[in-house]
């Protein structure tokens, strides 16, 4: 069983992950520097790699947050 402080930390990490990576993808989508989209408006390799990184990090953060929630629920029962 996880301790309450560890469970809260994991939950906070999951929430932070949602905030950071959703913000990152919004900013990536609006990129006008030429890195994410070429002159024709098509996504570049930079866009796809960073989108994959964001999705992976978002999913891992969500799983970590879920572990934190389960730890908090388990600590309430005991």
Protein backbone atom coordinates (compact mmCIF):
# COMPACT_ATOMS: atom_id res chain seq x y z
CA UNK A 1 0.00 0.00 0.00
CA UNK A 2 1.20 3.51 -0.79
CA UNK A 3 1.50 6.13 1.91
CA UNK A 4 -0.82 9.13 1.76
CA UNK A 5 1.98 11.61 0.90
CA UNK A 6 3.18 9.39 -1.95
CA UNK A 7 -0.38 8.96 -3.22
CA UNK A 8 -0.92 12.73 -3.15
CA UNK A 9 2.36 13.26 -4.99
CA UNK A 10 1.36 10.80 -7.71
CA UNK A 11 -2.05 12.41 -8.06
CA UNK A 12 -0.47 15.88 -8.27
CA UNK A 13 1.94 14.60 -10.91
CA UNK A 14 -0.99 13.30 -12.96
CA UNK A 15 -2.82 16.64 -12.75
CA UNK A 16 0.38 18.50 -13.64
CA UNK A 17 0.85 16.20 -16.62
CA UNK A 18 -2.64 16.99 -17.92
CA UNK A 19 -2.05 20.72 -17.61
CA UNK A 20 1.44 20.78 -19.12
CA UNK A 21 0.93 18.42 -22.04
CA UNK A 22 -2.47 19.73 -23.09
CA UNK A 23 -1.01 23.24 -23.06
CA UNK A 24 2.01 22.00 -25.03
CA UNK A 25 -0.16 20.43 -27.75
CA UNK A 26 -2.27 23.60 -28.03
CA UNK A 27 0.89 25.64 -28.49
CA UNK A 28 2.31 23.11 -30.95
CA UNK A 29 -0.89 23.27 -32.98
CA UNK A 30 -0.72 27.09 -33.14
CA UNK A 31 3.02 27.14 -33.99
CA UNK A 32 3.86 29.77 -36.58
CA UNK A 33 7.65 29.51 -36.44
CA UNK A 34 7.80 27.03 -39.30
CA UNK A 35 8.96 24.12 -37.17
CA UNK A 36 5.64 22.29 -36.76
CA UNK A 37 4.16 23.10 -40.17
CA UNK A 38 5.80 23.73 -43.52
CA UNK A 39 4.96 26.56 -45.92
CA UNK A 40 2.04 24.59 -47.36
CA UNK A 41 0.58 24.09 -43.86
CA UNK A 42 1.41 20.39 -43.69
CA UNK A 43 2.72 18.89 -40.42
CA UNK A 44 6.48 18.30 -40.29
CA UNK A 45 8.48 15.56 -38.62
CA UNK A 46 9.00 17.94 -35.69
CA UNK A 47 5.22 18.13 -35.24
CA UNK A 48 4.70 14.35 -35.33
CA UNK A 49 7.58 13.55 -32.97
CA UNK A 50 6.47 16.14 -30.44
CA UNK A 51 2.83 15.12 -30.70
CA UNK A 52 3.85 11.50 -30.03
CA UNK A 53 5.97 12.64 -27.08
CA UNK A 54 3.06 14.66 -25.69
CA UNK A 55 0.55 11.82 -26.07
CA UNK A 56 2.91 9.32 -24.44
CA UNK A 57 3.66 11.66 -21.54
CA UNK A 58 -0.03 12.47 -21.14
CA UNK A 59 -0.95 8.78 -20.97
CA UNK A 60 1.85 7.95 -18.52
CA UNK A 61 0.90 10.94 -16.36
CA UNK A 62 -2.71 9.79 -16.39
CA UNK A 63 -1.70 6.28 -15.31
CA UNK A 64 0.49 7.68 -12.52
CA UNK A 65 -2.36 9.91 -11.35
CA UNK A 66 -4.69 6.91 -11.34
CA UNK A 67 -2.24 5.01 -9.14
CA UNK A 68 -2.29 7.99 -6.76
CA UNK A 69 -6.10 7.98 -6.65
CA UNK A 70 -6.16 4.26 -5.92
CA UNK A 71 -3.57 4.74 -3.18
CA UNK A 72 -5.69 7.45 -1.55
CA UNK A 73 -8.81 5.31 -1.74
CA UNK A 74 -6.98 2.35 -0.20
CA UNK A 75 -5.64 4.48 2.64
CA UNK A 76 -9.16 5.67 3.50
CA UNK A 77 -10.39 2.10 3.91
CA UNK A 78 -7.68 1.25 6.42
